[in-house]
Amino acid sequence: MIKELATANGSLRNGFGDALVELGNLNSKVVVITADLKESTRATTFAERFPERFFDVGVAEQNMMGVAAGLAQEGFIPFCTSFAVFNPGRNWDQLRVSVCYDNANVKIIGAHAGLTAGGDGATHLGLEDLAITRVLPNLVVLAPADIHETRMATLAAAAYAGPVYIRFGRSDEPIIFKPGEQFSIGKAKVMREGRDIALYTTGSMLAPTLAAAAYLDSNKVKAAVIHFPTVKPLDKTTAIEYARQTKAVVTVEEHQVDGGFGSAISEVLSENWPVPLKRMGVNNTFGETGSPVELRRKHKLQSSDIAAAAVKLLLKHR
């Protein structure tokens, strides 16, 4: 078993909740809307501090997106919050037409994304949200890795003029970044240098990817680790640069393999610098009940799986 690197954990949704309160204090135009999931999305403190700027529309996600679009047209900065399977899963049409088509300044929050909502069963695991959001014109798509990066991504989204989607999971994740560390929309982060293979990842899969790289290093395989907290617009320059510097690329995400982050990387590299590539994620199946640890084990998304995939890819194309 590969030893994980981080020793402290934190909930990404808590980072989001903290950022909401900061934004509420800084800007009276920030408003929050939820679809009966105030506590789960960590909008509770904002609701308590700024009740006049908080709206619970009930289990009506399509209506929530329409309300958010209308508030944006009146000069507000609305954060509409729910689980990723519902937001953008259930209200994709309203996101497409009412928000993205008009380039409305709405911030869409997809909580409980990936495999982390396994306790709620198959229907609540958001495994398709990157695919259906990155295809929409005008929409920025963010997938932060830990509690501190989620906070900074939320602040950056508020400062950005236009629609932004942020996805994060339910469970606690290893803390990797420092509080207040710089976050730039559209910029990848080089976490580790390496000449043999490049490991590209996004969201909460950064920690196991770093652990896999450390294990590979101890076995004389030098793996670069590049974190892409922005899935769209993708940092194409960095993606191409590290593909050129290494022999192969592995992409890692907690999302369907088809249409997600790995597909975005594949599109860029196939047109600019084709290399051997392995995409890791959920392979054409729905989620199911289980803990995040159990589900990541089943879908081969543990650090040991990432390391094994990297070695296999290098041997295949040696």
C-alpha atoms as a PDB file:
ATOM      1  CA  MET A   1       0.000   0.000   0.000  1.00  0.00           C
ATOM      2  CA  ILE A   2       1.377   3.398  -0.954  1.00  0.00           C
ATOM      3  CA  LYS A   3       1.656   5.891   1.888  1.00  0.00           C
ATOM      4  CA  GLU A   4      -0.363   9.051   1.344  1.00  0.00           C
ATOM      5  CA  LEU A   5       1.582  12.288   1.681  1.00  0.00           C
ATOM      6  CA  ALA A   6      -0.789  14.653   3.462  1.00  0.00           C
ATOM      7  CA  THR A   7      -1.429  14.254   7.199  1.00  0.00           C
ATOM      8  CA  ALA A   8      -4.346  16.678   7.702  1.00  0.00           C
ATOM      9  CA  ASN A   9      -7.753  16.561   6.042  1.00  0.00           C
ATOM     10  CA  GLY A  10     -10.445  19.133   5.396  1.00  0.00           C
ATOM     11  CA  SER A  11     -13.827  19.298   3.723  1.00  0.00           C
ATOM     12  CA  LEU A  12     -13.864  21.129   0.399  1.00  0.00           C
ATOM     13  CA  ARG A  13     -17.444  22.229   0.996  1.00  0.00           C
ATOM     14  CA  ASN A  14     -16.301  23.961   4.195  1.00  0.00           C
ATOM     15  CA  GLY A  15     -13.827  25.954   2.118  1.00  0.00           C
ATOM     16  CA  PHE A  16     -16.711  26.985  -0.101  1.00  0.00           C
ATOM     17  CA  GLY A  17     -18.870  27.956   2.885  1.00  0.00           C
ATOM     18  CA  ASP A  18     -16.090  30.051   4.383  1.00  0.00           C
ATOM     19  CA  ALA A  19     -15.579  31.858   1.082  1.00  0.00           C
ATOM     20  CA  LEU A  20     -19.291  32.653   0.833  1.00  0.00           C
ATOM     21  CA  VAL A  21     -19.211  34.443   4.185  1.00  0.00           C
ATOM     22  CA  GLU A  22     -16.092  36.379   3.157  1.00  0.00           C
ATOM     23  CA  LEU A  23     -17.766  37.439  -0.059  1.00  0.00           C
ATOM     24  CA  GLY A  24     -20.945  38.387   1.780  1.00  0.00           C
ATOM     25  CA  ASN A  25     -18.966  40.742   3.990  1.00  0.00           C
ATOM     26  CA  LEU A  26     -17.064  42.228   1.057  1.00  0.00           C
ATOM     27  CA  ASN A  27     -19.820  42.700  -1.505  1.00  0.00           C
ATOM     28  CA  SER A  28     -23.488  43.376  -0.882  1.00  0.00           C
ATOM     29  CA  LYS A  29     -24.282  42.140  -4.408  1.00  0.00           C
ATOM     30  CA  VAL A  30     -23.369  38.537  -3.535  1.00  0.00           C
ATOM     31  CA  VAL A  31     -26.481  36.403  -3.034  1.00  0.00           C
ATOM     32  CA  VAL A  32     -26.903  32.672  -2.465  1.00  0.00           C
ATOM     33  CA  ILE A  33     -29.673  30.387  -3.710  1.00  0.00           C
ATOM     34  CA  THR A  34     -30.163  26.764  -2.743  1.00  0.00           C
ATOM     35  CA  ALA A  35     -32.554  23.981  -3.656  1.00  0.00           C
ATOM     36  CA  ASP A  36     -33.322  22.644  -0.181  1.00  0.00           C
ATOM     37  CA  LEU A  37     -29.663  21.778   0.517  1.00  0.00           C
ATOM     38  CA  LYS A  38     -28.467  24.645   2.679  1.00  0.00           C
ATOM     39  CA  GLU A  39     -26.571  22.533   5.204  1.00  0.00           C
ATOM     40  CA  SER A  40     -25.142  20.002   2.758  1.00  0.00           C
ATOM     41  CA  THR A  41     -23.655  22.695   0.521  1.00  0.00           C
ATOM     42  CA  ARG A  42     -22.419  24.695   3.524  1.00  0.00           C
ATOM     43  CA  ALA A  43     -24.489  27.772   2.717  1.00  0.00           C
ATOM     44  CA  THR A  44     -25.842  27.777   6.293  1.00  0.00           C
ATOM     45  CA  THR A  45     -23.542  30.421   7.772  1.00  0.00           C
ATOM     46  CA  PHE A  46     -24.161  32.792   4.863  1.00  0.00           C
ATOM     47  CA  ALA A  47     -27.906  32.317   5.367  1.00  0.00           C
ATOM     48  CA  GLU A  48     -27.594  33.155   9.059  1.00  0.00           C
ATOM     49  CA  ARG A  49     -25.407  36.218   8.484  1.00  0.00           C
ATOM     50  CA  PHE A  50     -27.235  37.603   5.448  1.00  0.00           C
ATOM     51  CA  PRO A  51     -30.815  36.285   5.509  1.00  0.00           C
ATOM     52  CA  GLU A  52     -32.006  39.038   3.173  1.00  0.00           C
ATOM     53  CA  ARG A  53     -29.574  37.761   0.525  1.00  0.00           C
ATOM     54  CA  PHE A  54     -30.325  34.062   0.870  1.00  0.00           C
ATOM     55  CA  PHE A  55     -33.089  32.234  -1.020  1.00  0.00           C
ATOM     56  CA  ASP A  56     -34.197  28.610  -0.652  1.00  0.00           C
ATOM     57  CA  VAL A  57     -36.398  27.731  -3.613  1.00  0.00           C
ATOM     58  CA  GLY A  58     -37.073  24.171  -2.469  1.00  0.00           C
ATOM     59  CA  VAL A  59     -36.578  21.106  -4.639  1.00  0.00           C
ATOM     60  CA  ALA A  60     -36.870  23.097  -7.862  1.00  0.00           C
ATOM     61  CA  GLU A  61     -33.445  23.235  -9.492  1.00  0.00           C
ATOM     62  CA  GLN A  62     -34.679  24.484 -12.872  1.00  0.00           C
ATOM     63  CA  ASN A  63     -36.416  27.367 -11.154  1.00  0.00           C
ATOM     64  CA  MET A  64     -33.285  28.050  -9.097  1.00  0.00           C
ATOM     65  CA  MET A  65     -31.216  28.541 -12.248  1.00  0.00           C
ATOM     66  CA  GLY A  66     -33.833  30.872 -13.705  1.00  0.00           C
ATOM     67  CA  VAL A  67     -33.912  32.917 -10.506  1.00  0.00           C
ATOM     68  CA  ALA A  68     -30.117  33.114 -10.558  1.00  0.00           C
ATOM     69  CA  ALA A  69     -30.129  34.317 -14.159  1.00  0.00           C
ATOM     70  CA  GLY A  70     -32.661  37.019 -13.307  1.00  0.00           C
ATOM     71  CA  LEU A  71     -30.672  38.205 -10.293  1.00  0.00           C
ATOM     72  CA  ALA A  72     -27.535  38.393 -12.437  1.00  0.00           C
ATOM     73  CA  GLN A  73     -29.368  40.574 -14.972  1.00  0.00           C
ATOM     74  CA  GLU A  74     -30.177  42.969 -12.104  1.00  0.00           C
ATOM     75  CA  GLY A  75     -26.505  43.300 -11.160  1.00  0.00           C
ATOM     76  CA  PHE A  76     -26.245  40.704  -8.385  1.00  0.00           C
ATOM     77  CA  ILE A  77     -23.641  37.922  -8.162  1.00  0.00           C
ATOM     78  CA  PRO A  78     -25.719  34.808  -7.475  1.00  0.00           C
ATOM     79  CA  PHE A  79     -24.254  31.521  -6.254  1.00  0.00           C
ATOM     80  CA  CYS A  80     -26.763  28.752  -6.962  1.00  0.00           C
ATOM     81  CA  THR A  81     -25.968  25.656  -4.931  1.00  0.00           C
ATOM     82  CA  SER A  82     -27.003  22.013  -4.985  1.00  0.00           C
ATOM     83  CA  PHE A  83     -25.534  18.568  -5.662  1.00  0.00           C
ATOM     84  CA  ALA A  84     -23.792  18.117  -9.004  1.00  0.00           C
ATOM     85  CA  VAL A  85     -26.367  15.538 -10.146  1.00  0.00           C
ATOM     86  CA  PHE A  86     -29.040  18.230  -9.831  1.00  0.00           C
ATOM     87  CA  ASN A  87     -27.007  21.357 -10.584  1.00  0.00           C
ATOM     88  CA  PRO A  88     -26.091  21.187 -13.477  1.00  0.00           C
ATOM     89  CA  GLY A  89     -27.504  17.682 -13.978  1.00  0.00           C
ATOM     90  CA  ARG A  90     -31.196  18.482 -13.624  1.00  0.00           C
ATOM     91  CA  ASN A  91     -31.171  22.108 -14.829  1.00  0.00           C
ATOM     92  CA  TRP A  92     -28.764  21.892 -17.758  1.00  0.00           C
ATOM     93  CA  ASP A  93     -31.276  23.417 -20.184  1.00  0.00           C
ATOM     94  CA  GLN A  94     -31.721  26.507 -17.988  1.00  0.00           C
ATOM     95  CA  LEU A  95     -27.948  26.716 -17.527  1.00  0.00           C
ATOM     96  CA  ARG A  96     -27.439  26.568 -21.286  1.00  0.00           C
ATOM     97  CA  VAL A  97     -30.139  29.022 -22.376  1.00  0.00           C
ATOM     98  CA  SER A  98     -30.721  31.388 -19.447  1.00  0.00           C
ATOM     99  CA  VAL A  99     -27.145  31.619 -18.166  1.00  0.00           C
ATOM    100  CA  CYS A 100     -24.518  30.653 -20.738  1.00  0.00           C
ATOM    101  CA  TYR A 101     -26.289  31.970 -23.838  1.00  0.00           C
ATOM    102  CA  ASP A 102     -26.612  35.373 -22.158  1.00  0.00           C
ATOM    103  CA  ASN A 103     -23.154  35.113 -20.545  1.00  0.00           C
ATOM    104  CA  ALA A 104     -24.883  35.855 -17.238  1.00  0.00           C
ATOM    105  CA  ASN A 105     -22.747  36.383 -14.157  1.00  0.00           C
ATOM    106  CA  VAL A 106     -23.975  33.262 -12.322  1.00  0.00           C
ATOM    107  CA  LYS A 107     -21.819  30.936 -10.204  1.00  0.00           C
ATOM    108  CA  ILE A 108     -23.017  27.332 -10.296  1.00  0.00           C
ATOM    109  CA  ILE A 109     -21.953  25.045  -7.441  1.00  0.00           C
ATOM    110  CA  GLY A 110     -22.032  21.269  -7.908  1.00  0.00           C
ATOM    111  CA  ALA A 111     -21.387  19.759  -4.480  1.00  0.00           C
ATOM    112  CA  HIS A 112     -21.126  16.033  -3.662  1.00  0.00           C
ATOM    113  CA  ALA A 113     -19.462  15.471  -7.043  1.00  0.00           C
ATOM    114  CA  GLY A 114     -17.541  12.353  -7.991  1.00  0.00           C
ATOM    115  CA  LEU A 115     -17.699   9.210  -5.852  1.00  0.00           C
ATOM    116  CA  THR A 116     -17.970  10.986  -2.506  1.00  0.00           C
ATOM    117  CA  ALA A 117     -21.781  10.822  -2.201  1.00  0.00           C
ATOM    118  CA  GLY A 118     -21.815   7.027  -2.251  1.00  0.00           C
ATOM    119  CA  GLY A 119     -23.733   6.960   1.016  1.00  0.00           C
ATOM    120  CA  ASP A 120     -26.702   8.452  -0.831  1.00  0.00           C
ATOM    121  CA  GLY A 121     -26.732   5.750  -3.495  1.00  0.00           C
ATOM    122  CA  ALA A 122     -26.194   5.531  -7.244  1.00  0.00           C
ATOM    123  CA  THR A 123     -28.554   8.340  -8.241  1.00  0.00           C
ATOM    124  CA  HIS A 124     -26.636  10.929  -6.223  1.00  0.00           C
ATOM    125  CA  LEU A 125     -23.132  10.327  -7.576  1.00  0.00           C
ATOM    126  CA  GLY A 126     -22.257  13.166  -9.954  1.00  0.00           C
ATOM    127  CA  LEU A 127     -19.960  11.546 -12.496  1.00  0.00           C
ATOM    128  CA  GLU A 128     -20.959  13.366 -15.680  1.00  0.00           C
ATOM    129  CA  ASP A 129     -20.872  17.039 -14.726  1.00  0.00           C
ATOM    130  CA  LEU A 130     -17.510  17.911 -16.303  1.00  0.00           C
ATOM    131  CA  ALA A 131     -18.662  16.523 -19.642  1.00  0.00           C
ATOM    132  CA  ILE A 132     -21.917  18.489 -19.736  1.00  0.00           C
ATOM    133  CA  THR A 133     -20.402  21.755 -18.514  1.00  0.00           C
ATOM    134  CA  ARG A 134     -17.145  21.994 -20.449  1.00  0.00           C
ATOM    135  CA  VAL A 135     -19.093  21.761 -23.699  1.00  0.00           C
ATOM    136  CA  LEU A 136     -21.059  24.966 -23.001  1.00  0.00           C
ATOM    137  CA  PRO A 137     -19.809  28.243 -24.513  1.00  0.00           C
ATOM    138  CA  ASN A 138     -18.912  31.049 -22.065  1.00  0.00           C
ATOM    139  CA  LEU A 139     -18.791  28.689 -19.062  1.00  0.00           C
ATOM    140  CA  VAL A 140     -15.641  28.401 -16.916  1.00  0.00           C
ATOM    141  CA  VAL A 141     -15.270  24.998 -15.198  1.00  0.00           C
ATOM    142  CA  LEU A 142     -13.269  24.633 -11.961  1.00  0.00           C
ATOM    143  CA  ALA A 143     -12.368  21.546  -9.909  1.00  0.00           C
ATOM    144  CA  PRO A 144     -10.278  22.474  -6.830  1.00  0.00           C
ATOM    145  CA  ALA A 145      -8.312  19.855  -4.899  1.00  0.00           C
ATOM    146  CA  ASP A 146      -8.602  20.739  -1.200  1.00  0.00           C
ATOM    147  CA  ILE A 147     -10.344  22.981   1.313  1.00  0.00           C
ATOM    148  CA  HIS A 148      -8.006  25.944   0.811  1.00  0.00           C
ATOM    149  CA  GLU A 149      -8.025  25.779  -2.977  1.00  0.00           C
ATOM    150  CA  THR A 150     -11.828  25.565  -2.918  1.00  0.00           C
ATOM    151  CA  ARG A 151     -11.982  28.762  -0.907  1.00  0.00           C
ATOM    152  CA  MET A 152      -9.639  30.547  -3.330  1.00  0.00           C
ATOM    153  CA  ALA A 153     -11.468  29.177  -6.370  1.00  0.00           C
ATOM    154  CA  THR A 154     -14.741  30.519  -4.976  1.00  0.00           C
ATOM    155  CA  LEU A 155     -13.229  33.967  -4.455  1.00  0.00           C
ATOM    156  CA  ALA A 156     -11.785  33.875  -7.977  1.00  0.00           C
ATOM    157  CA  ALA A 157     -15.157  32.857  -9.412  1.00  0.00           C
ATOM    158  CA  ALA A 158     -16.839  35.814  -7.730  1.00  0.00           C
ATOM    159  CA  ALA A 159     -14.282  38.183  -9.245  1.00  0.00           C
ATOM    160  CA  TYR A 160     -14.730  36.727 -12.725  1.00  0.00           C
ATOM    161  CA  ALA A 161     -17.316  38.406 -14.953  1.00  0.00           C
ATOM    162  CA  GLY A 162     -19.338  35.565 -16.395  1.00  0.00           C
ATOM    163  CA  PRO A 163     -20.713  32.124 -15.585  1.00  0.00           C
ATOM    164  CA  VAL A 164     -18.514  29.748 -13.567  1.00  0.00           C
ATOM    165  CA  TYR A 165     -19.122  26.153 -12.519  1.00  0.00           C
ATOM    166  CA  ILE A 166     -17.307  24.764  -9.452  1.00  0.00           C
ATOM    167  CA  ARG A 167     -17.410  21.062  -8.554  1.00  0.00           C
ATOM    168  CA  PHE A 168     -16.271  19.505  -5.294  1.00  0.00           C
ATOM    169  CA  GLY A 169     -16.998  16.381  -3.289  1.00  0.00           C
ATOM    170  CA  ARG A 170     -18.603  15.656   0.055  1.00  0.00           C
ATOM    171  CA  SER A 171     -15.811  13.901   1.936  1.00  0.00           C
ATOM    172  CA  ASP A 172     -12.769  15.305   3.698  1.00  0.00           C
ATOM    173  CA  GLU A 173      -9.660  15.342   1.512  1.00  0.00           C
ATOM    174  CA  PRO A 174      -5.940  15.734   2.294  1.00  0.00           C
ATOM    175  CA  ILE A 175      -4.855  19.364   2.670  1.00  0.00           C
ATOM    176  CA  ILE A 176      -2.218  20.182   0.067  1.00  0.00           C
ATOM    177  CA  PHE A 177      -2.241  23.948  -0.376  1.00  0.00           C
ATOM    178  CA  LYS A 178      -1.653  26.743   2.096  1.00  0.00           C
ATOM    179  CA  PRO A 179      -4.464  29.142   3.069  1.00  0.00           C
ATOM    180  CA  GLY A 180      -4.556  32.060   0.660  1.00  0.00           C
ATOM    181  CA  GLU A 181      -2.362  30.400  -1.958  1.00  0.00           C
ATOM    182  CA  GLN A 182      -2.768  32.086  -5.328  1.00  0.00           C
ATOM    183  CA  PHE A 183      -5.470  30.757  -7.639  1.00  0.00           C
ATOM    184  CA  SER A 184      -5.614  31.847 -11.263  1.00  0.00           C
ATOM    185  CA  ILE A 185      -8.430  30.740 -13.539  1.00  0.00           C
ATOM    186  CA  GLY A 186      -7.006  28.978 -16.582  1.00  0.00           C
ATOM    187  CA  LYS A 187      -3.629  28.124 -15.025  1.00  0.00           C
ATOM    188  CA  ALA A 188      -2.356  24.640 -14.215  1.00  0.00           C
ATOM    189  CA  LYS A 189      -0.083  24.028 -11.228  1.00  0.00           C
ATOM    190  CA  VAL A 190       3.153  22.081 -11.586  1.00  0.00           C
ATOM    191  CA  MET A 191       3.274  20.093  -8.358  1.00  0.00           C
ATOM    192  CA  ARG A 192       6.256  17.892  -9.169  1.00  0.00           C
ATOM    193  CA  GLU A 193       8.848  17.752 -11.947  1.00  0.00           C
ATOM    194  CA  GLY A 194       9.722  14.533 -13.780  1.00  0.00           C
ATOM    195  CA  ARG A 195      11.190  13.365 -17.076  1.00  0.00           C
ATOM    196  CA  ASP A 196       9.742   9.860 -17.535  1.00  0.00           C
ATOM    197  CA  ILE A 197       5.980  10.274 -17.394  1.00  0.00           C
ATOM    198  CA  ALA A 198       3.483  13.081 -16.716  1.00  0.00           C
ATOM    199  CA  LEU A 199       0.531  12.544 -14.388  1.00  0.00           C
ATOM    200  CA  TYR A 200      -2.247  15.049 -15.126  1.00  0.00           C
ATOM    201  CA  THR A 201      -5.047  15.341 -12.600  1.00  0.00           C
ATOM    202  CA  THR A 202      -7.872  17.557 -11.413  1.00  0.00           C
ATOM    203  CA  GLY A 203      -9.977  17.989  -8.294  1.00  0.00           C
ATOM    204  CA  SER A 204      -9.684  15.670  -5.321  1.00  0.00           C
ATOM    205  CA  MET A 205      -7.544  13.137  -7.171  1.00  0.00           C
ATOM    206  CA  LEU A 206      -4.468  15.330  -6.695  1.00  0.00           C
ATOM    207  CA  ALA A 207      -3.496  13.793  -3.336  1.00  0.00           C
ATOM    208  CA  PRO A 208      -3.430  10.150  -4.512  1.00  0.00           C
ATOM    209  CA  THR A 209      -1.642  11.232  -7.693  1.00  0.00           C
ATOM    210  CA  LEU A 210       1.102  12.918  -5.666  1.00  0.00           C
ATOM    211  CA  ALA A 211       1.430   9.801  -3.512  1.00  0.00           C
ATOM    212  CA  ALA A 212       1.717   7.681  -6.658  1.00  0.00           C
ATOM    213  CA  ALA A 213       4.474   9.946  -8.001  1.00  0.00           C
ATOM    214  CA  ALA A 214       6.421   9.690  -4.754  1.00  0.00           C
ATOM    215  CA  TYR A 215       6.205   5.893  -4.914  1.00  0.00           C
ATOM    216  CA  LEU A 216       7.329   5.889  -8.550  1.00  0.00           C
ATOM    217  CA  ASP A 217      10.269   8.110  -7.642  1.00  0.00           C
ATOM    218  CA  SER A 218      11.389   5.599  -5.001  1.00  0.00           C
ATOM    219  CA  ASN A 219      11.413   3.022  -7.798  1.00  0.00           C
ATOM    220  CA  LYS A 220      13.491   5.153 -10.176  1.00  0.00           C
ATOM    221  CA  VAL A 221      10.594   6.428 -12.272  1.00  0.00           C
ATOM    222  CA  LYS A 222      10.483  10.223 -12.395  1.00  0.00           C
ATOM    223  CA  ALA A 223       6.885  11.369 -12.691  1.00  0.00           C
ATOM    224  CA  ALA A 224       5.811  14.962 -13.190  1.00  0.00           C
ATOM    225  CA  VAL A 225       2.500  15.851 -11.534  1.00  0.00           C
ATOM    226  CA  ILE A 226       0.421  18.629 -13.068  1.00  0.00           C
ATOM    227  CA  HIS A 227      -2.789  19.746 -11.350  1.00  0.00           C
ATOM    228  CA  PHE A 228      -5.473  21.356 -13.509  1.00  0.00           C
ATOM    229  CA  PRO A 229      -7.936  23.090 -11.158  1.00  0.00           C
ATOM    230  CA  THR A 230      -9.391  24.742 -14.263  1.00  0.00           C
ATOM    231  CA  VAL A 231     -10.862  22.187 -16.642  1.00  0.00           C
ATOM    232  CA  LYS A 232     -12.095  24.959 -18.943  1.00  0.00           C
ATOM    233  CA  PRO A 233     -10.366  26.993 -20.237  1.00  0.00           C
ATOM    234  CA  LEU A 234      -7.721  24.288 -20.128  1.00  0.00           C
ATOM    235  CA  ASP A 235      -4.079  25.336 -19.764  1.00  0.00           C
ATOM    236  CA  LYS A 236      -3.074  23.954 -23.156  1.00  0.00           C
ATOM    237  CA  THR A 237       0.443  25.372 -22.995  1.00  0.00           C
ATOM    238  CA  THR A 238       1.341  23.452 -19.846  1.00  0.00           C
ATOM    239  CA  ALA A 239      -0.410  20.288 -21.058  1.00  0.00           C
ATOM    240  CA  ILE A 240       1.634  20.292 -24.264  1.00  0.00           C
ATOM    241  CA  GLU A 241       4.882  21.284 -22.543  1.00  0.00           C
ATOM    242  CA  TYR A 242       4.957  18.337 -20.150  1.00  0.00           C
ATOM    243  CA  ALA A 243       3.809  15.905 -22.829  1.00  0.00           C
ATOM    244  CA  ARG A 244       6.845  16.995 -24.844  1.00  0.00           C
ATOM    245  CA  GLN A 245       9.200  16.644 -21.884  1.00  0.00           C
ATOM    246  CA  THR A 246       8.120  13.113 -20.948  1.00  0.00           C
ATOM    247  CA  LYS A 247       7.423   9.792 -22.683  1.00  0.00           C
ATOM    248  CA  ALA A 248       3.741   9.358 -21.833  1.00  0.00           C
ATOM    249  CA  VAL A 249       0.768  10.897 -20.003  1.00  0.00           C
ATOM    250  CA  VAL A 250      -1.724   9.481 -17.489  1.00  0.00           C
ATOM    251  CA  THR A 251      -4.851  11.489 -16.650  1.00  0.00           C
ATOM    252  CA  VAL A 252      -6.693  10.932 -13.353  1.00  0.00           C
ATOM    253  CA  GLU A 253     -10.182  12.139 -12.442  1.00  0.00           C
ATOM    254  CA  GLU A 254     -13.180  11.194 -10.281  1.00  0.00           C
ATOM    255  CA  HIS A 255     -15.578  11.359 -13.212  1.00  0.00           C
ATOM    256  CA  GLN A 256     -16.642   9.315 -16.202  1.00  0.00           C
ATOM    257  CA  VAL A 257     -13.645   8.687 -18.440  1.00  0.00           C
ATOM    258  CA  ASP A 258     -15.667   9.590 -21.523  1.00  0.00           C
ATOM    259  CA  GLY A 259     -16.111  13.317 -21.999  1.00  0.00           C
ATOM    260  CA  GLY A 260     -14.325  14.458 -18.864  1.00  0.00           C
ATOM    261  CA  PHE A 261     -10.956  15.925 -17.963  1.00  0.00           C
ATOM    262  CA  GLY A 262      -8.974  13.129 -19.627  1.00  0.00           C
ATOM    263  CA  SER A 263     -10.926  13.649 -22.829  1.00  0.00           C
ATOM    264  CA  ALA A 264     -10.099  17.360 -22.726  1.00  0.00           C
ATOM    265  CA  ILE A 265      -6.387  16.547 -22.377  1.00  0.00           C
ATOM    266  CA  SER A 266      -6.640  13.972 -25.183  1.00  0.00           C
ATOM    267  CA  GLU A 267      -8.197  16.533 -27.500  1.00  0.00           C
ATOM    268  CA  VAL A 268      -5.376  18.997 -26.922  1.00  0.00           C
ATOM    269  CA  LEU A 269      -2.532  16.499 -27.235  1.00  0.00           C
ATOM    270  CA  SER A 270      -3.923  14.668 -30.260  1.00  0.00           C
ATOM    271  CA  GLU A 271      -3.915  17.940 -32.191  1.00  0.00           C
ATOM    272  CA  ASN A 272      -0.604  19.301 -30.916  1.00  0.00           C
ATOM    273  CA  TRP A 273       1.725  16.608 -29.529  1.00  0.00           C
ATOM    274  CA  PRO A 274       0.405  13.033 -29.670  1.00  0.00           C
ATOM    275  CA  VAL A 275       1.892  10.773 -26.993  1.00  0.00           C
ATOM    276  CA  PRO A 276       0.941   7.444 -25.382  1.00  0.00           C
ATOM    277  CA  LEU A 277      -1.889   8.286 -22.990  1.00  0.00           C
ATOM    278  CA  LYS A 278      -3.955   6.456 -20.381  1.00  0.00           C
ATOM    279  CA  ARG A 279      -7.181   7.955 -18.994  1.00  0.00           C
ATOM    280  CA  MET A 280      -8.183   6.902 -15.474  1.00  0.00           C
ATOM    281  CA  GLY A 281     -11.644   7.470 -14.053  1.00  0.00           C
ATOM    282  CA  VAL A 282     -15.010   5.750 -13.909  1.00  0.00           C
ATOM    283  CA  ASN A 283     -15.432   3.519 -16.950  1.00  0.00           C
ATOM    284  CA  ASN A 284     -18.914   3.681 -18.468  1.00  0.00           C
ATOM    285  CA  THR A 285     -20.828   2.715 -15.351  1.00  0.00           C
ATOM    286  CA  PHE A 286     -23.111   4.393 -12.841  1.00  0.00           C
ATOM    287  CA  GLY A 287     -22.108   4.850  -9.235  1.00  0.00           C
ATOM    288  CA  GLU A 288     -23.401   2.778  -6.367  1.00  0.00           C
ATOM    289  CA  THR A 289     -23.706   2.804  -2.598  1.00  0.00           C
ATOM    290  CA  GLY A 290     -20.392   2.748  -0.762  1.00  0.00           C
ATOM    291  CA  SER A 291     -17.826   4.862   1.053  1.00  0.00           C
ATOM    292  CA  PRO A 292     -15.407   7.009  -0.979  1.00  0.00           C
ATOM    293  CA  VAL A 293     -12.580   4.635  -0.039  1.00  0.00           C
ATOM    294  CA  GLU A 294     -14.539   1.580  -1.170  1.00  0.00           C
ATOM    295  CA  LEU A 295     -15.621   3.190  -4.427  1.00  0.00           C
ATOM    296  CA  ARG A 296     -12.165   4.497  -5.291  1.00  0.00           C
ATOM    297  CA  ARG A 297     -10.793   1.018  -4.647  1.00  0.00           C
ATOM    298  CA  LYS A 298     -13.417  -0.562  -6.907  1.00  0.00           C
ATOM    299  CA  HIS A 299     -12.804   1.913  -9.728  1.00  0.00           C
ATOM    300  CA  LYS A 300      -9.010   1.614  -9.386  1.00  0.00           C
ATOM    301  CA  LEU A 301      -8.454   5.240  -8.428  1.00  0.00           C
ATOM    302  CA  GLN A 302      -6.134   4.676  -5.467  1.00  0.00           C
ATOM    303  CA  SER A 303      -2.528   5.832  -5.527  1.00  0.00           C
ATOM    304  CA  SER A 304      -1.323   2.260  -6.080  1.00  0.00           C
ATOM    305  CA  ASP A 305      -3.574   1.990  -9.141  1.00  0.00           C
ATOM    306  CA  ILE A 306      -2.209   5.237 -10.564  1.00  0.00           C
ATOM    307  CA  ALA A 307       1.396   4.103 -10.086  1.00  0.00           C
ATOM    308  CA  ALA A 308       0.660   0.715 -11.674  1.00  0.00           C
ATOM    309  CA  ALA A 309      -1.021   2.352 -14.669  1.00  0.00           C
ATOM    310  CA  ALA A 310       1.979   4.622 -15.184  1.00  0.00           C
ATOM    311  CA  VAL A 311       4.429   1.717 -15.144  1.00  0.00           C
ATOM    312  CA  LYS A 312       2.249  -0.345 -17.482  1.00  0.00           C
ATOM    313  CA  LEU A 313       1.996   2.531 -19.968  1.00  0.00           C
ATOM    314  CA  LEU A 314       5.756   3.082 -19.960  1.00  0.00           C
ATOM    315  CA  LEU A 315       6.496  -0.623 -20.457  1.00  0.00           C
ATOM    316  CA  LYS A 316       3.961  -0.880 -23.268  1.00  0.00           C
ATOM    317  CA  HIS A 317       5.508   2.000 -25.186  1.00  0.00           C
ATOM    318  CA  ARG A 318       9.121   1.501 -24.161  1.00  0.00           C
END
